[in-house]
Amino acid sequence: MKKTISVILAALLLAATPTAISAAVVDPGNEIVPYWEYMNRAKVKINFSGTSGTASVTVDRYFGITTSLEATLTVYKKVGNSWVYVTSTSDSSTRNLNIELDFTGVRGTTYKAVADITAYGDDGSESDSISETATCWRY
């Protein structure tokens, strides 16, 4: 009987132990996004109008928590099984950060926009890399 009670108590203690598992949250649009301490939201896009390509990244801060944001936006094109550098730009802000980068695409070629982001707060920093791919199809 004592052994059974001990097993039950051990199981209850394990079940009551708090665990923090918040690697992602679901935003109102039902999109799963990473959980960050200093970045509220980050989104990268790549679009084409004919062969004119535009890559962009938007990073939102947490008001009163984030002290600054910086990002590098880089565009690559797919050549065989490799990604080849096309162009890049960087910027920083103490508010929300928006970077846009124009480039010329080649029809039928796939491109990838990669945003390497670092957000700073009083207690440290965090970094992430997000990307999106698109193919230049329009004639």
Protein backbone atom coordinates (compact mmCIF):
# COMPACT_ATOMS: atom_id res chain seq x y z
CA MET A 1 0.00 0.00 0.00
CA LYS A 2 2.83 2.41 0.87
CA LYS A 3 4.47 1.64 -2.48
CA THR A 4 1.24 2.44 -4.37
CA ILE A 5 0.81 5.74 -2.53
CA SER A 6 4.46 6.64 -3.23
CA VAL A 7 3.99 5.98 -6.96
CA ILE A 8 0.81 8.07 -7.05
CA LEU A 9 2.47 10.96 -5.19
CA ALA A 10 5.49 10.84 -7.52
CA ALA A 11 3.20 10.94 -10.57
CA LEU A 12 1.27 13.90 -9.14
CA LEU A 13 4.49 15.81 -8.44
CA LEU A 14 5.74 15.24 -11.98
CA ALA A 15 2.41 16.34 -13.45
CA ALA A 16 2.41 19.52 -11.33
CA THR A 17 5.94 20.56 -12.33
CA PRO A 18 5.73 23.65 -14.54
CA THR A 19 7.41 23.42 -17.93
CA ALA A 20 7.92 26.31 -20.30
CA ILE A 21 7.51 25.19 -23.88
CA SER A 22 6.71 28.31 -25.87
CA ALA A 23 8.78 28.08 -29.01
CA ALA A 24 5.94 29.36 -31.18
CA VAL A 25 2.60 31.11 -30.91
CA VAL A 26 -0.39 31.29 -33.23
CA ASP A 27 -1.25 34.83 -34.33
CA PRO A 28 -4.83 35.99 -35.09
CA GLY A 29 -4.43 34.96 -38.75
CA ASN A 30 -3.73 31.38 -37.60
CA GLU A 31 -0.12 31.67 -38.73
CA ILE A 32 2.48 29.99 -36.55
CA VAL A 33 5.21 32.47 -35.70
CA PRO A 34 8.30 32.12 -33.47
CA TYR A 35 8.18 33.41 -29.93
CA TRP A 36 10.71 36.18 -29.43
CA GLU A 37 11.52 38.41 -26.47
CA TYR A 38 12.55 41.52 -28.43
CA MET A 39 10.89 41.07 -31.85
CA ASN A 40 7.13 41.28 -32.01
CA ARG A 41 6.79 40.09 -35.62
CA ALA A 42 9.09 39.59 -38.59
CA LYS A 43 8.07 38.91 -42.16
CA VAL A 44 10.05 38.59 -45.40
CA LYS A 45 8.49 38.76 -48.88
CA ILE A 46 9.72 38.39 -52.43
CA ASN A 47 7.55 39.42 -55.40
CA PHE A 48 7.89 39.87 -59.15
CA SER A 49 6.28 42.17 -61.68
CA GLY A 50 7.59 40.83 -64.95
CA THR A 51 11.30 40.46 -64.31
CA SER A 52 11.41 43.31 -61.79
CA GLY A 53 11.85 41.72 -58.38
CA THR A 54 11.36 43.26 -54.94
CA ALA A 55 12.40 41.66 -51.68
CA SER A 56 11.34 43.16 -48.37
CA VAL A 57 11.52 42.53 -44.65
CA THR A 58 9.43 44.09 -41.90
CA VAL A 59 10.36 43.68 -38.25
CA ASP A 60 8.14 45.02 -35.47
CA ARG A 61 9.44 45.82 -32.01
CA TYR A 62 7.91 45.48 -28.57
CA PHE A 63 7.24 49.02 -27.36
CA GLY A 64 9.17 49.72 -24.17
CA ILE A 65 11.18 46.47 -24.41
CA THR A 66 13.07 46.54 -27.72
CA THR A 67 15.87 49.13 -27.83
CA SER A 68 16.92 48.60 -31.46
CA LEU A 69 16.55 46.35 -34.50
CA GLU A 70 19.01 45.60 -37.29
CA ALA A 71 18.72 43.39 -40.33
CA THR A 72 20.49 42.38 -43.50
CA LEU A 73 18.31 41.42 -46.46
CA THR A 74 20.01 39.23 -49.08
CA VAL A 75 18.68 37.89 -52.38
CA TYR A 76 19.99 34.63 -53.87
CA LYS A 77 19.12 32.84 -57.10
CA LYS A 78 18.99 29.08 -57.59
CA VAL A 79 21.64 27.71 -59.95
CA GLY A 80 21.50 23.92 -60.13
CA ASN A 81 21.41 22.77 -56.48
CA SER A 82 23.12 25.90 -55.12
CA TRP A 83 22.03 29.38 -54.07
CA VAL A 84 24.12 32.14 -55.68
CA TYR A 85 24.36 35.65 -54.22
CA VAL A 86 22.53 38.40 -56.17
CA THR A 87 22.44 41.52 -53.94
CA SER A 88 21.95 42.65 -50.34
CA THR A 89 21.38 45.67 -48.11
CA SER A 90 21.31 46.41 -44.37
CA ASP A 91 19.59 48.87 -42.06
CA SER A 92 18.81 49.49 -38.40
CA SER A 93 16.18 51.32 -36.39
CA THR A 94 15.11 52.10 -32.85
CA ARG A 95 11.50 51.70 -34.01
CA ASN A 96 9.96 49.20 -36.45
CA LEU A 97 12.29 48.25 -39.30
CA ASN A 98 11.35 48.11 -42.99
CA ILE A 99 13.86 47.25 -45.71
CA GLU A 100 13.13 46.95 -49.44
CA LEU A 101 15.52 45.72 -52.11
CA ASP A 102 14.92 45.85 -55.88
CA PHE A 103 16.63 43.48 -58.33
CA THR A 104 16.19 42.14 -61.85
CA GLY A 105 15.11 38.52 -62.21
CA VAL A 106 15.48 36.02 -65.01
CA ARG A 107 12.36 34.24 -66.25
CA GLY A 108 12.06 30.70 -64.91
CA THR A 109 14.65 31.24 -62.17
CA THR A 110 13.85 30.74 -58.47
CA TYR A 111 14.98 33.40 -56.00
CA LYS A 112 15.25 33.43 -52.22
CA ALA A 113 15.12 36.47 -49.94
CA VAL A 114 16.87 35.89 -46.59
CA ALA A 115 16.57 38.31 -43.68
CA ASP A 116 19.14 38.00 -40.88
CA ILE A 117 17.69 39.94 -37.96
CA THR A 118 19.04 40.96 -34.56
CA ALA A 119 16.88 42.65 -31.93
CA TYR A 120 18.29 44.28 -28.82
CA GLY A 121 16.81 44.99 -25.40
CA ASP A 122 18.17 46.13 -22.05
CA ASP A 123 18.85 42.53 -20.98
CA GLY A 124 20.45 41.17 -24.17
CA SER A 125 19.76 40.39 -27.79
CA GLU A 126 18.29 37.71 -30.02
CA SER A 127 18.87 36.82 -33.64
CA ASP A 128 16.91 34.92 -36.25
CA SER A 129 16.99 34.24 -39.97
CA ILE A 130 13.80 34.03 -42.03
CA SER A 131 13.35 33.49 -45.76
CA GLU A 132 10.89 33.17 -48.61
CA THR A 133 11.32 31.85 -52.15
CA ALA A 134 9.58 32.80 -55.40
CA THR A 135 10.03 32.03 -59.07
CA CYS A 136 10.16 34.68 -61.78
CA TRP A 137 7.56 33.24 -64.20
CA ARG A 138 5.91 36.22 -65.86
CA TYR A 139 6.74 37.25 -69.41
